[in-house]
Amino acid sequence: MKQFIKGLGVVALMFGSVLTANAQDEAKQDGFLKRAFRDMKESAKLQRKIDKANFQATKLETKAFYEEQKRLSKPSVRTAAERERMNKELEEANHRVESAKALVEAAKTK
């Protein structure tokens, strides 16, 4: 009978060590899963901040474009811009005229 009890004790110890090993494996998996979900949670929070910042930037860029177009649609600003463009074209045309006159004079003297 003593041998039977010893045998049961040995079996219990072996079965307990198997249970302990399985519990440790589960703890490692739980630790892994907890870490994985914690990382996913932190990543999601960071991505949300990035998305909010990108949305805010897009919103402000759109507002800036709208304000610029609104400013340019005023008649005084539009006429000033048109006048500046025409003056620039006039300068370029006058420069071409001067260049052409120089070419004509060079051709006459040869």
PDB file of N, CA and C in Angstrom:
ATOM      1  N   MET A   1       0.806  -1.164   0.000  1.00  0.00           N
ATOM      2  CA  MET A   1       0.000   0.000   0.000  1.00  0.00           C
ATOM      3  C   MET A   1       0.868   1.255   0.000  1.00  0.00           C
ATOM      4  N   LYS A   2       1.968   1.222   0.764  1.00  0.00           N
ATOM      5  CA  LYS A   2       2.863   2.377   0.802  1.00  0.00           C
ATOM      6  C   LYS A   2       3.428   2.664  -0.584  1.00  0.00           C
ATOM      7  N   GLN A   3       3.742   1.602  -1.293  1.00  0.00           N
ATOM      8  CA  GLN A   3       4.279   1.793  -2.639  1.00  0.00           C
ATOM      9  C   GLN A   3       3.213   2.412  -3.554  1.00  0.00           C
ATOM     10  N   PHE A   4       1.969   2.017  -3.363  1.00  0.00           N
ATOM     11  CA  PHE A   4       0.888   2.569  -4.167  1.00  0.00           C
ATOM     12  C   PHE A   4       0.727   4.066  -3.883  1.00  0.00           C
ATOM     13  N   ILE A   5       0.816   4.433  -2.631  1.00  0.00           N
ATOM     14  CA  ILE A   5       0.692   5.842  -2.253  1.00  0.00           C
ATOM     15  C   ILE A   5       1.882   6.629  -2.793  1.00  0.00           C
ATOM     16  N   LYS A   6       3.071   6.025  -2.666  1.00  0.00           N
ATOM     17  CA  LYS A   6       4.250   6.692  -3.239  1.00  0.00           C
ATOM     18  C   LYS A   6       4.083   6.864  -4.743  1.00  0.00           C
ATOM     19  N   GLY A   7       3.569   5.829  -5.398  1.00  0.00           N
ATOM     20  CA  GLY A   7       3.341   5.876  -6.843  1.00  0.00           C
ATOM     21  C   GLY A   7       2.346   6.971  -7.195  1.00  0.00           C
ATOM     22  N   LEU A   8       1.295   7.076  -6.384  1.00  0.00           N
ATOM     23  CA  LEU A   8       0.321   8.140  -6.617  1.00  0.00           C
ATOM     24  C   LEU A   8       0.950   9.513  -6.387  1.00  0.00           C
ATOM     25  N   GLY A   9       1.801   9.578  -5.379  1.00  0.00           N
ATOM     26  CA  GLY A   9       2.482  10.849  -5.108  1.00  0.00           C
ATOM     27  C   GLY A   9       3.376  11.251  -6.274  1.00  0.00           C
ATOM     28  N   VAL A  10       4.082  10.270  -6.827  1.00  0.00           N
ATOM     29  CA  VAL A  10       4.945  10.547  -7.970  1.00  0.00           C
ATOM     30  C   VAL A  10       4.100  10.961  -9.164  1.00  0.00           C
ATOM     31  N   VAL A  11       3.002  10.271  -9.388  1.00  0.00           N
ATOM     32  CA  VAL A  11       2.108  10.617 -10.497  1.00  0.00           C
ATOM     33  C   VAL A  11       1.547  12.018 -10.272  1.00  0.00           C
ATOM     34  N   ALA A  12       1.154  12.312  -9.032  1.00  0.00           N
ATOM     35  CA  ALA A  12       0.612  13.636  -8.725  1.00  0.00           C
ATOM     36  C   ALA A  12       1.662  14.706  -8.966  1.00  0.00           C
ATOM     37  N   LEU A  13       2.891  14.455  -8.569  1.00  0.00           N
ATOM     38  CA  LEU A  13       3.962  15.422  -8.809  1.00  0.00           C
ATOM     39  C   LEU A  13       4.204  15.613 -10.295  1.00  0.00           C
ATOM     40  N   MET A  14       4.212  14.541 -11.044  1.00  0.00           N
ATOM     41  CA  MET A  14       4.426  14.635 -12.478  1.00  0.00           C
ATOM     42  C   MET A  14       3.259  15.360 -13.142  1.00  0.00           C
ATOM     43  N   PHE A  15       2.033  15.007 -12.729  1.00  0.00           N
ATOM     44  CA  PHE A  15       0.862  15.646 -13.306  1.00  0.00           C
ATOM     45  C   PHE A  15       0.835  17.128 -12.918  1.00  0.00           C
ATOM     46  N   GLY A  16       1.248  17.431 -11.700  1.00  0.00           N
ATOM     47  CA  GLY A  16       1.313  18.821 -11.244  1.00  0.00           C
ATOM     48  C   GLY A  16       2.349  19.608 -12.019  1.00  0.00           C
ATOM     49  N   SER A  17       3.483  18.990 -12.306  1.00  0.00           N
ATOM     50  CA  SER A  17       4.502  19.699 -13.075  1.00  0.00           C
ATOM     51  C   SER A  17       4.034  19.931 -14.510  1.00  0.00           C
ATOM     52  N   VAL A  18       3.266  18.972 -15.061  1.00  0.00           N
ATOM     53  CA  VAL A  18       2.708  19.160 -16.395  1.00  0.00           C
ATOM     54  C   VAL A  18       1.709  20.310 -16.370  1.00  0.00           C
ATOM     55  N   LEU A  19       0.878  20.366 -15.338  1.00  0.00           N
ATOM     56  CA  LEU A  19      -0.079  21.447 -15.193  1.00  0.00           C
ATOM     57  C   LEU A  19       0.630  22.786 -15.036  1.00  0.00           C
ATOM     58  N   THR A  20       1.703  22.763 -14.254  1.00  0.00           N
ATOM     59  CA  THR A  20       2.468  23.992 -14.051  1.00  0.00           C
ATOM     60  C   THR A  20       3.087  24.450 -15.356  1.00  0.00           C
ATOM     61  N   ALA A  21       3.602  23.531 -16.157  1.00  0.00           N
ATOM     62  CA  ALA A  21       4.191  23.874 -17.448  1.00  0.00           C
ATOM     63  C   ALA A  21       3.116  24.443 -18.373  1.00  0.00           C
ATOM     64  N   ASN A  22       1.935  23.821 -18.381  1.00  0.00           N
ATOM     65  CA  ASN A  22       0.854  24.341 -19.209  1.00  0.00           C
ATOM     66  C   ASN A  22       0.416  25.717 -18.734  1.00  0.00           C
ATOM     67  N   ALA A  23       0.376  25.929 -17.448  1.00  0.00           N
ATOM     68  CA  ALA A  23      -0.011  27.232 -16.905  1.00  0.00           C
ATOM     69  C   ALA A  23       1.021  28.288 -17.286  1.00  0.00           C
ATOM     70  N   GLN A  24       2.313  27.905 -17.259  1.00  0.00           N
ATOM     71  CA  GLN A  24       3.356  28.855 -17.653  1.00  0.00           C
ATOM     72  C   GLN A  24       3.234  29.194 -19.142  1.00  0.00           C
ATOM     73  N   ASP A  25       2.941  28.190 -19.983  1.00  0.00           N
ATOM     74  CA  ASP A  25       2.759  28.445 -21.409  1.00  0.00           C
ATOM     75  C   ASP A  25       1.583  29.385 -21.633  1.00  0.00           C
ATOM     76  N   GLU A  26       0.493  29.153 -20.898  1.00  0.00           N
ATOM     77  CA  GLU A  26      -0.667  30.029 -21.031  1.00  0.00           C
ATOM     78  C   GLU A  26      -0.339  31.436 -20.546  1.00  0.00           C
ATOM     79  N   ALA A  27       0.455  31.537 -19.493  1.00  0.00           N
ATOM     80  CA  ALA A  27       0.842  32.858 -18.979  1.00  0.00           C
ATOM     81  C   ALA A  27       1.686  33.584 -20.013  1.00  0.00           C
ATOM     82  N   LYS A  28       2.580  32.838 -20.678  1.00  0.00           N
ATOM     83  CA  LYS A  28       3.378  33.465 -21.726  1.00  0.00           C
ATOM     84  C   LYS A  28       2.478  33.938 -22.859  1.00  0.00           C
ATOM     85  N   GLN A  29       1.498  33.130 -23.230  1.00  0.00           N
ATOM     86  CA  GLN A  29       0.579  33.524 -24.293  1.00  0.00           C
ATOM     87  C   GLN A  29      -0.262  34.719 -23.855  1.00  0.00           C
ATOM     88  N   ASP A  30      -0.722  34.680 -22.619  1.00  0.00           N
ATOM     89  CA  ASP A  30      -1.494  35.815 -22.123  1.00  0.00           C
ATOM     90  C   ASP A  30      -0.630  37.068 -22.131  1.00  0.00           C
ATOM     91  N   GLY A  31       0.617  36.918 -21.708  1.00  0.00           N
ATOM     92  CA  GLY A  31       1.518  38.063 -21.735  1.00  0.00           C
ATOM     93  C   GLY A  31       1.708  38.576 -23.153  1.00  0.00           C
ATOM     94  N   PHE A  32       1.863  37.653 -24.088  1.00  0.00           N
ATOM     95  CA  PHE A  32       2.022  38.047 -25.483  1.00  0.00           C
ATOM     96  C   PHE A  32       0.771  38.748 -25.983  1.00  0.00           C
ATOM     97  N   LEU A  33      -0.381  38.163 -25.699  1.00  0.00           N
ATOM     98  CA  LEU A  33      -1.638  38.759 -26.162  1.00  0.00           C
ATOM     99  C   LEU A  33      -1.874  40.117 -25.514  1.00  0.00           C
ATOM    100  N   LYS A  34      -1.587  40.198 -24.227  1.00  0.00           N
ATOM    101  CA  LYS A  34      -1.764  41.486 -23.549  1.00  0.00           C
ATOM    102  C   LYS A  34      -0.851  42.535 -24.157  1.00  0.00           C
ATOM    103  N   ARG A  35       0.410  42.136 -24.406  1.00  0.00           N
ATOM    104  CA  ARG A  35       1.344  43.085 -25.038  1.00  0.00           C
ATOM    105  C   ARG A  35       0.878  43.461 -26.436  1.00  0.00           C
ATOM    106  N   ALA A  36       0.394  42.477 -27.181  1.00  0.00           N
ATOM    107  CA  ALA A  36      -0.053  42.740 -28.551  1.00  0.00           C
ATOM    108  C   ALA A  36      -1.236  43.702 -28.552  1.00  0.00           C
ATOM    109  N   PHE A  37      -2.207  43.462 -27.675  1.00  0.00           N
ATOM    110  CA  PHE A  37      -3.368  44.356 -27.626  1.00  0.00           C
ATOM    111  C   PHE A  37      -2.996  45.736 -27.102  1.00  0.00           C
ATOM    112  N   ARG A  38      -2.068  45.793 -26.154  1.00  0.00           N
ATOM    113  CA  ARG A  38      -1.598  47.093 -25.666  1.00  0.00           C
ATOM    114  C   ARG A  38      -0.897  47.863 -26.783  1.00  0.00           C
ATOM    115  N   ASP A  39      -0.062  47.170 -27.564  1.00  0.00           N
ATOM    116  CA  ASP A  39       0.611  47.813 -28.696  1.00  0.00           C
ATOM    117  C   ASP A  39      -0.395  48.290 -29.743  1.00  0.00           C
ATOM    118  N   MET A  40      -1.404  47.452 -30.003  1.00  0.00           N
ATOM    119  CA  MET A  40      -2.427  47.856 -30.971  1.00  0.00           C
ATOM    120  C   MET A  40      -3.201  49.069 -30.462  1.00  0.00           C
ATOM    121  N   LYS A  41      -3.469  49.109 -29.164  1.00  0.00           N
ATOM    122  CA  LYS A  41      -4.194  50.241 -28.583  1.00  0.00           C
ATOM    123  C   LYS A  41      -3.369  51.520 -28.704  1.00  0.00           C
ATOM    124  N   GLU A  42      -2.089  51.442 -28.376  1.00  0.00           N
ATOM    125  CA  GLU A  42      -1.212  52.612 -28.497  1.00  0.00           C
ATOM    126  C   GLU A  42      -1.081  53.054 -29.949  1.00  0.00           C
ATOM    127  N   SER A  43      -0.964  52.087 -30.845  1.00  0.00           N
ATOM    128  CA  SER A  43      -0.861  52.396 -32.271  1.00  0.00           C
ATOM    129  C   SER A  43      -2.131  53.079 -32.772  1.00  0.00           C
ATOM    130  N   ALA A  44      -3.281  52.593 -32.320  1.00  0.00           N
ATOM    131  CA  ALA A  44      -4.551  53.190 -32.734  1.00  0.00           C
ATOM    132  C   ALA A  44      -4.669  54.623 -32.217  1.00  0.00           C
ATOM    133  N   LYS A  45      -4.227  54.856 -30.984  1.00  0.00           N
ATOM    134  CA  LYS A  45      -4.271  56.216 -30.431  1.00  0.00           C
ATOM    135  C   LYS A  45      -3.376  57.149 -31.227  1.00  0.00           C
ATOM    136  N   LEU A  46      -2.173  56.684 -31.538  1.00  0.00           N
ATOM    137  CA  LEU A  46      -1.239  57.494 -32.305  1.00  0.00           C
ATOM    138  C   LEU A  46      -1.771  57.760 -33.708  1.00  0.00           C
ATOM    139  N   GLN A  47      -2.360  56.737 -34.345  1.00  0.00           N
ATOM    140  CA  GLN A  47      -2.920  56.911 -35.678  1.00  0.00           C
ATOM    141  C   GLN A  47      -4.070  57.911 -35.645  1.00  0.00           C
ATOM    142  N   ARG A  48      -4.863  57.883 -34.591  1.00  0.00           N
ATOM    143  CA  ARG A  48      -5.969  58.840 -34.454  1.00  0.00           C
ATOM    144  C   ARG A  48      -5.432  60.267 -34.377  1.00  0.00           C
ATOM    145  N   LYS A  49      -4.338  60.460 -33.606  1.00  0.00           N
ATOM    146  CA  LYS A  49      -3.730  61.793 -33.517  1.00  0.00           C
ATOM    147  C   LYS A  49      -3.214  62.247 -34.881  1.00  0.00           C
ATOM    148  N   ILE A  50      -2.595  61.321 -35.609  1.00  0.00           N
ATOM    149  CA  ILE A  50      -2.081  61.643 -36.949  1.00  0.00           C
ATOM    150  C   ILE A  50      -3.232  62.019 -37.878  1.00  0.00           C
ATOM    151  N   ASP A  51      -4.313  61.237 -37.836  1.00  0.00           N
ATOM    152  CA  ASP A  51      -5.473  61.521 -38.689  1.00  0.00           C
ATOM    153  C   ASP A  51      -6.088  62.876 -38.353  1.00  0.00           C
ATOM    154  N   LYS A  52      -6.193  63.187 -37.058  1.00  0.00           N
ATOM    155  CA  LYS A  52      -6.753  64.480 -36.654  1.00  0.00           C
ATOM    156  C   LYS A  52      -5.882  65.622 -37.152  1.00  0.00           C
ATOM    157  N   ALA A  53      -4.553  65.467 -37.040  1.00  0.00           N
ATOM    158  CA  ALA A  53      -3.637  66.518 -37.494  1.00  0.00           C
ATOM    159  C   ALA A  53      -3.727  66.695 -39.010  1.00  0.00           C
ATOM    160  N   ASN A  54      -3.778  65.586 -39.742  1.00  0.00           N
ATOM    161  CA  ASN A  54      -3.910  65.670 -41.207  1.00  0.00           C
ATOM    162  C   ASN A  54      -5.220  66.321 -41.611  1.00  0.00           C
ATOM    163  N   PHE A  55      -6.298  65.974 -40.920  1.00  0.00           N
ATOM    164  CA  PHE A  55      -7.598  66.575 -41.220  1.00  0.00           C
ATOM    165  C   PHE A  55      -7.564  68.075 -40.952  1.00  0.00           C
ATOM    166  N   GLN A  56      -6.972  68.463 -39.827  1.00  0.00           N
ATOM    167  CA  GLN A  56      -6.875  69.885 -39.481  1.00  0.00           C
ATOM    168  C   GLN A  56      -6.042  70.633 -40.522  1.00  0.00           C
ATOM    169  N   ALA A  57      -4.928  70.031 -40.961  1.00  0.00           N
ATOM    170  CA  ALA A  57      -4.081  70.668 -41.975  1.00  0.00           C
ATOM    171  C   ALA A  57      -4.842  70.840 -43.289  1.00  0.00           C
ATOM    172  N   THR A  58      -5.557  69.817 -43.708  1.00  0.00           N
ATOM    173  CA  THR A  58      -6.330  69.899 -44.946  1.00  0.00           C
ATOM    174  C   THR A  58      -7.404  70.972 -44.836  1.00  0.00           C
ATOM    175  N   LYS A  59      -8.052  71.012 -43.701  1.00  0.00           N
ATOM    176  CA  LYS A  59      -9.102  72.001 -43.474  1.00  0.00           C
ATOM    177  C   LYS A  59      -8.537  73.422 -43.547  1.00  0.00           C
ATOM    178  N   LEU A  60      -7.381  73.650 -42.920  1.00  0.00           N
ATOM    179  CA  LEU A  60      -6.778  74.975 -42.945  1.00  0.00           C
ATOM    180  C   LEU A  60      -6.256  75.343 -44.325  1.00  0.00           C
ATOM    181  N   GLU A  61      -5.698  74.369 -45.053  1.00  0.00           N
ATOM    182  CA  GLU A  61      -5.250  74.641 -46.424  1.00  0.00           C
ATOM    183  C   GLU A  61      -6.425  75.025 -47.321  1.00  0.00           C
ATOM    184  N   THR A  62      -7.545  74.342 -47.149  1.00  0.00           N
ATOM    185  CA  THR A  62      -8.733  74.662 -47.933  1.00  0.00           C
ATOM    186  C   THR A  62      -9.234  76.058 -47.600  1.00  0.00           C
ATOM    187  N   LYS A  63      -9.215  76.384 -46.326  1.00  0.00           N
ATOM    188  CA  LYS A  63      -9.664  77.717 -45.904  1.00  0.00           C
ATOM    189  C   LYS A  63      -8.738  78.796 -46.469  1.00  0.00           C
ATOM    190  N   ALA A  64      -7.430  78.546 -46.449  1.00  0.00           N
ATOM    191  CA  ALA A  64      -6.473  79.507 -46.991  1.00  0.00           C
ATOM    192  C   ALA A  64      -6.704  79.704 -48.488  1.00  0.00           C
ATOM    193  N   PHE A  65      -6.943  78.610 -49.220  1.00  0.00           N
ATOM    194  CA  PHE A  65      -7.211  78.702 -50.651  1.00  0.00           C
ATOM    195  C   PHE A  65      -8.484  79.503 -50.895  1.00  0.00           C
ATOM    196  N   TYR A  66      -9.510  79.248 -50.102  1.00  0.00           N
ATOM    197  CA  TYR A  66     -10.769  79.968 -50.249  1.00  0.00           C
ATOM    198  C   TYR A  66     -10.570  81.462 -50.001  1.00  0.00           C
ATOM    199  N   GLU A  67      -9.846  81.798 -48.937  1.00  0.00           N
ATOM    200  CA  GLU A  67      -9.613  83.213 -48.616  1.00  0.00           C
ATOM    201  C   GLU A  67      -8.807  83.902 -49.721  1.00  0.00           C
ATOM    202  N   GLU A  68      -7.827  83.191 -50.286  1.00  0.00           N
ATOM    203  CA  GLU A  68      -7.016  83.760 -51.369  1.00  0.00           C
ATOM    204  C   GLU A  68      -7.882  84.019 -52.605  1.00  0.00           C
ATOM    205  N   GLN A  69      -8.727  83.048 -52.941  1.00  0.00           N
ATOM    206  CA  GLN A  69      -9.608  83.227 -54.092  1.00  0.00           C
ATOM    207  C   GLN A  69     -10.619  84.345 -53.847  1.00  0.00           C
ATOM    208  N   LYS A  70     -11.070  84.439 -52.611  1.00  0.00           N
ATOM    209  CA  LYS A  70     -12.009  85.500 -52.254  1.00  0.00           C
ATOM    210  C   LYS A  70     -11.346  86.869 -52.402  1.00  0.00           C
ATOM    211  N   ARG A  71     -10.067  86.943 -51.962  1.00  0.00           N
ATOM    212  CA  ARG A  71      -9.323  88.200 -52.079  1.00  0.00           C
ATOM    213  C   ARG A  71      -9.098  88.554 -53.547  1.00  0.00           C
ATOM    214  N   LEU A  72      -8.763  87.559 -54.352  1.00  0.00           N
ATOM    215  CA  LEU A  72      -8.497  87.809 -55.767  1.00  0.00           C
ATOM    216  C   LEU A  72      -9.759  88.152 -56.558  1.00  0.00           C
ATOM    217  N   SER A  73     -10.924  87.817 -56.030  1.00  0.00           N
ATOM    218  CA  SER A  73     -12.151  88.098 -56.765  1.00  0.00           C
ATOM    219  C   SER A  73     -12.613  89.544 -56.609  1.00  0.00           C
ATOM    220  N   LYS A  74     -11.972  90.302 -55.729  1.00  0.00           N
ATOM    221  CA  LYS A  74     -12.332  91.717 -55.587  1.00  0.00           C
ATOM    222  C   LYS A  74     -11.908  92.466 -56.844  1.00  0.00           C
ATOM    223  N   PRO A  75     -12.732  93.353 -57.349  1.00  0.00           N
ATOM    224  CA  PRO A  75     -12.401  94.067 -58.588  1.00  0.00           C
ATOM    225  C   PRO A  75     -11.105  94.874 -58.497  1.00  0.00           C
ATOM    226  N   SER A  76     -10.844  95.512 -57.371  1.00  0.00           N
ATOM    227  CA  SER A  76      -9.632  96.329 -57.257  1.00  0.00           C
ATOM    228  C   SER A  76      -8.373  95.461 -57.335  1.00  0.00           C
ATOM    229  N   VAL A  77      -8.400  94.334 -56.689  1.00  0.00           N
ATOM    230  CA  VAL A  77      -7.241  93.430 -56.719  1.00  0.00           C
ATOM    231  C   VAL A  77      -7.090  92.818 -58.103  1.00  0.00           C
ATOM    232  N   ARG A  78      -8.217  92.414 -58.686  1.00  0.00           N
ATOM    233  CA  ARG A  78      -8.176  91.797 -60.014  1.00  0.00           C
ATOM    234  C   ARG A  78      -7.644  92.776 -61.052  1.00  0.00           C
ATOM    235  N   THR A  79      -8.094  94.047 -60.996  1.00  0.00           N
ATOM    236  CA  THR A  79      -7.607  95.034 -61.973  1.00  0.00           C
ATOM    237  C   THR A  79      -6.138  95.334 -61.753  1.00  0.00           C
ATOM    238  N   ALA A  80      -5.704  95.380 -60.501  1.00  0.00           N
ATOM    239  CA  ALA A  80      -4.290  95.629 -60.220  1.00  0.00           C
ATOM    240  C   ALA A  80      -3.430  94.492 -60.778  1.00  0.00           C
ATOM    241  N   ALA A  81      -3.879  93.252 -60.588  1.00  0.00           N
ATOM    242  CA  ALA A  81      -3.140  92.103 -61.116  1.00  0.00           C
ATOM    243  C   ALA A  81      -3.122  92.128 -62.640  1.00  0.00           C
ATOM    244  N   GLU A  82      -4.243  92.488 -63.226  1.00  0.00           N
ATOM    245  CA  GLU A  82      -4.321  92.567 -64.695  1.00  0.00           C
ATOM    246  C   GLU A  82      -3.416  93.674 -65.222  1.00  0.00           C
ATOM    247  N   ARG A  83      -3.406  94.795 -64.545  1.00  0.00           N
ATOM    248  CA  ARG A  83      -2.542  95.913 -64.950  1.00  0.00           C
ATOM    249  C   ARG A  83      -1.063  95.512 -64.853  1.00  0.00           C
ATOM    250  N   GLU A  84      -0.712  94.816 -63.789  1.00  0.00           N
ATOM    251  CA  GLU A  84       0.678  94.360 -63.624  1.00  0.00           C
ATOM    252  C   GLU A  84       1.066  93.391 -64.739  1.00  0.00           C
ATOM    253  N   ARG A  85       0.155  92.464 -65.079  1.00  0.00           N
ATOM    254  CA  ARG A  85       0.423  91.521 -66.168  1.00  0.00           C
ATOM    255  C   ARG A  85       0.606  92.254 -67.496  1.00  0.00           C
ATOM    256  N   MET A  86      -0.235  93.249 -67.749  1.00  0.00           N
ATOM    257  CA  MET A  86      -0.143  94.001 -69.007  1.00  0.00           C
ATOM    258  C   MET A  86       1.141  94.812 -69.066  1.00  0.00           C
ATOM    259  N   ASN A  87       1.546  95.419 -67.953  1.00  0.00           N
ATOM    260  CA  ASN A  87       2.806  96.168 -67.924  1.00  0.00           C
ATOM    261  C   ASN A  87       3.994  95.259 -68.207  1.00  0.00           C
ATOM    262  N   LYS A  88       3.962  94.055 -67.657  1.00  0.00           N
ATOM    263  CA  LYS A  88       5.038  93.100 -67.898  1.00  0.00           C
ATOM    264  C   LYS A  88       5.088  92.716 -69.381  1.00  0.00           C
ATOM    265  N   GLU A  89       3.919  92.458 -69.972  1.00  0.00           N
ATOM    266  CA  GLU A  89       3.868  92.130 -71.397  1.00  0.00           C
ATOM    267  C   GLU A  89       4.358  93.299 -72.253  1.00  0.00           C
ATOM    268  N   LEU A  90       4.010  94.538 -71.854  1.00  0.00           N
ATOM    269  CA  LEU A  90       4.463  95.724 -72.585  1.00  0.00           C
ATOM    270  C   LEU A  90       5.979  95.846 -72.534  1.00  0.00           C
ATOM    271  N   GLU A  91       6.568  95.592 -71.356  1.00  0.00           N
ATOM    272  CA  GLU A  91       8.026  95.641 -71.228  1.00  0.00           C
ATOM    273  C   GLU A  91       8.680  94.606 -72.137  1.00  0.00           C
ATOM    274  N   GLU A  92       8.133  93.390 -72.156  1.00  0.00           N
ATOM    275  CA  GLU A  92       8.685  92.341 -73.011  1.00  0.00           C
ATOM    276  C   GLU A  92       8.565  92.721 -74.486  1.00  0.00           C
ATOM    277  N   ALA A  93       7.435  93.293 -74.859  1.00  0.00           N
ATOM    278  CA  ALA A  93       7.237  93.709 -76.253  1.00  0.00           C
ATOM    279  C   ALA A  93       8.217  94.831 -76.616  1.00  0.00           C
ATOM    280  N   ASN A  94       8.407  95.806 -75.722  1.00  0.00           N
ATOM    281  CA  ASN A  94       9.363  96.886 -75.972  1.00  0.00           C
ATOM    282  C   ASN A  94      10.789  96.348 -76.094  1.00  0.00           C
ATOM    283  N   HIS A  95      11.119  95.372 -75.283  1.00  0.00           N
ATOM    284  CA  HIS A  95      12.452  94.748 -75.373  1.00  0.00           C
ATOM    285  C   HIS A  95      12.625  94.060 -76.724  1.00  0.00           C
ATOM    286  N   ARG A  96      11.603  93.374 -77.206  1.00  0.00           N
ATOM    287  CA  ARG A  96      11.668  92.728 -78.523  1.00  0.00           C
ATOM    288  C   ARG A  96      11.811  93.760 -79.635  1.00  0.00           C
ATOM    289  N   VAL A  97      11.107  94.913 -79.479  1.00  0.00           N
ATOM    290  CA  VAL A  97      11.211  95.981 -80.484  1.00  0.00           C
ATOM    291  C   VAL A  97      12.637  96.509 -80.524  1.00  0.00           C
ATOM    292  N   GLU A  98      13.232  96.752 -79.362  1.00  0.00           N
ATOM    293  CA  GLU A  98      14.608  97.248 -79.304  1.00  0.00           C
ATOM    294  C   GLU A  98      15.577  96.240 -79.924  1.00  0.00           C
ATOM    295  N   SER A  99      15.359  94.955 -79.621  1.00  0.00           N
ATOM    296  CA  SER A  99      16.224  93.916 -80.208  1.00  0.00           C
ATOM    297  C   SER A  99      16.085  93.890 -81.723  1.00  0.00           C
ATOM    298  N   ALA A 100      14.868  94.014 -82.209  1.00  0.00           N
ATOM    299  CA  ALA A 100      14.627  94.002 -83.662  1.00  0.00           C
ATOM    300  C   ALA A 100      15.275  95.227 -84.324  1.00  0.00           C
ATOM    301  N   LYS A 101      15.170  96.403 -83.684  1.00  0.00           N
ATOM    302  CA  LYS A 101      15.808  97.600 -84.235  1.00  0.00           C
ATOM    303  C   LYS A 101      17.312  97.430 -84.306  1.00  0.00           C
ATOM    304  N   ALA A 102      17.889  96.822 -83.273  1.00  0.00           N
ATOM    305  CA  ALA A 102      19.321  96.585 -83.280  1.00  0.00           C
ATOM    306  C   ALA A 102      19.706  95.653 -84.422  1.00  0.00           C
ATOM    307  N   LEU A 103      18.916  94.628 -84.677  1.00  0.00           N
ATOM    308  CA  LEU A 103      19.186  93.696 -85.777  1.00  0.00           C
ATOM    309  C   LEU A 103      19.090  94.406 -87.132  1.00  0.00           C
ATOM    310  N   VAL A 104      18.107  95.290 -87.266  1.00  0.00           N
ATOM    311  CA  VAL A 104      17.935  96.040 -88.524  1.00  0.00           C
ATOM    312  C   VAL A 104      19.156  96.930 -88.742  1.00  0.00           C
ATOM    313  N   GLU A 105      19.587  97.631 -87.717  1.00  0.00           N
ATOM    314  CA  GLU A 105      20.761  98.519 -87.833  1.00  0.00           C
ATOM    315  C   GLU A 105      22.000  97.712 -88.145  1.00  0.00           C
ATOM    316  N   ALA A 106      22.132  96.543 -87.525  1.00  0.00           N
ATOM    317  CA  ALA A 106      23.306  95.691 -87.803  1.00  0.00           C
ATOM    318  C   ALA A 106      23.277  95.209 -89.235  1.00  0.00           C
ATOM    319  N   ALA A 107      22.110  94.904 -89.759  1.00  0.00           N
ATOM    320  CA  ALA A 107      22.006  94.426 -91.137  1.00  0.00           C
ATOM    321  C   ALA A 107      22.294  95.553 -92.125  1.00  0.00           C
ATOM    322  N   LYS A 108      21.929  96.805 -91.831  1.00  0.00           N
ATOM    323  CA  LYS A 108      22.168  97.943 -92.724  1.00  0.00           C
ATOM    324  C   LYS A 108      23.670  98.276 -92.801  1.00  0.00           C
ATOM    325  N   THR A 109      24.391  98.140 -91.719  1.00  0.00           N
ATOM    326  CA  THR A 109      25.802  98.514 -91.709  1.00  0.00           C
ATOM    327  C   THR A 109      26.691  97.466 -92.359  1.00  0.00           C
ATOM    328  N   LYS A 110      26.265  96.294 -92.567  1.00  0.00           N
ATOM    329  CA  LYS A 110      27.099  95.263 -93.197  1.00  0.00           C
ATOM    330  C   LYS A 110      27.144  95.393 -94.647  1.00  0.00           C
TER     331      LYS A 110
END
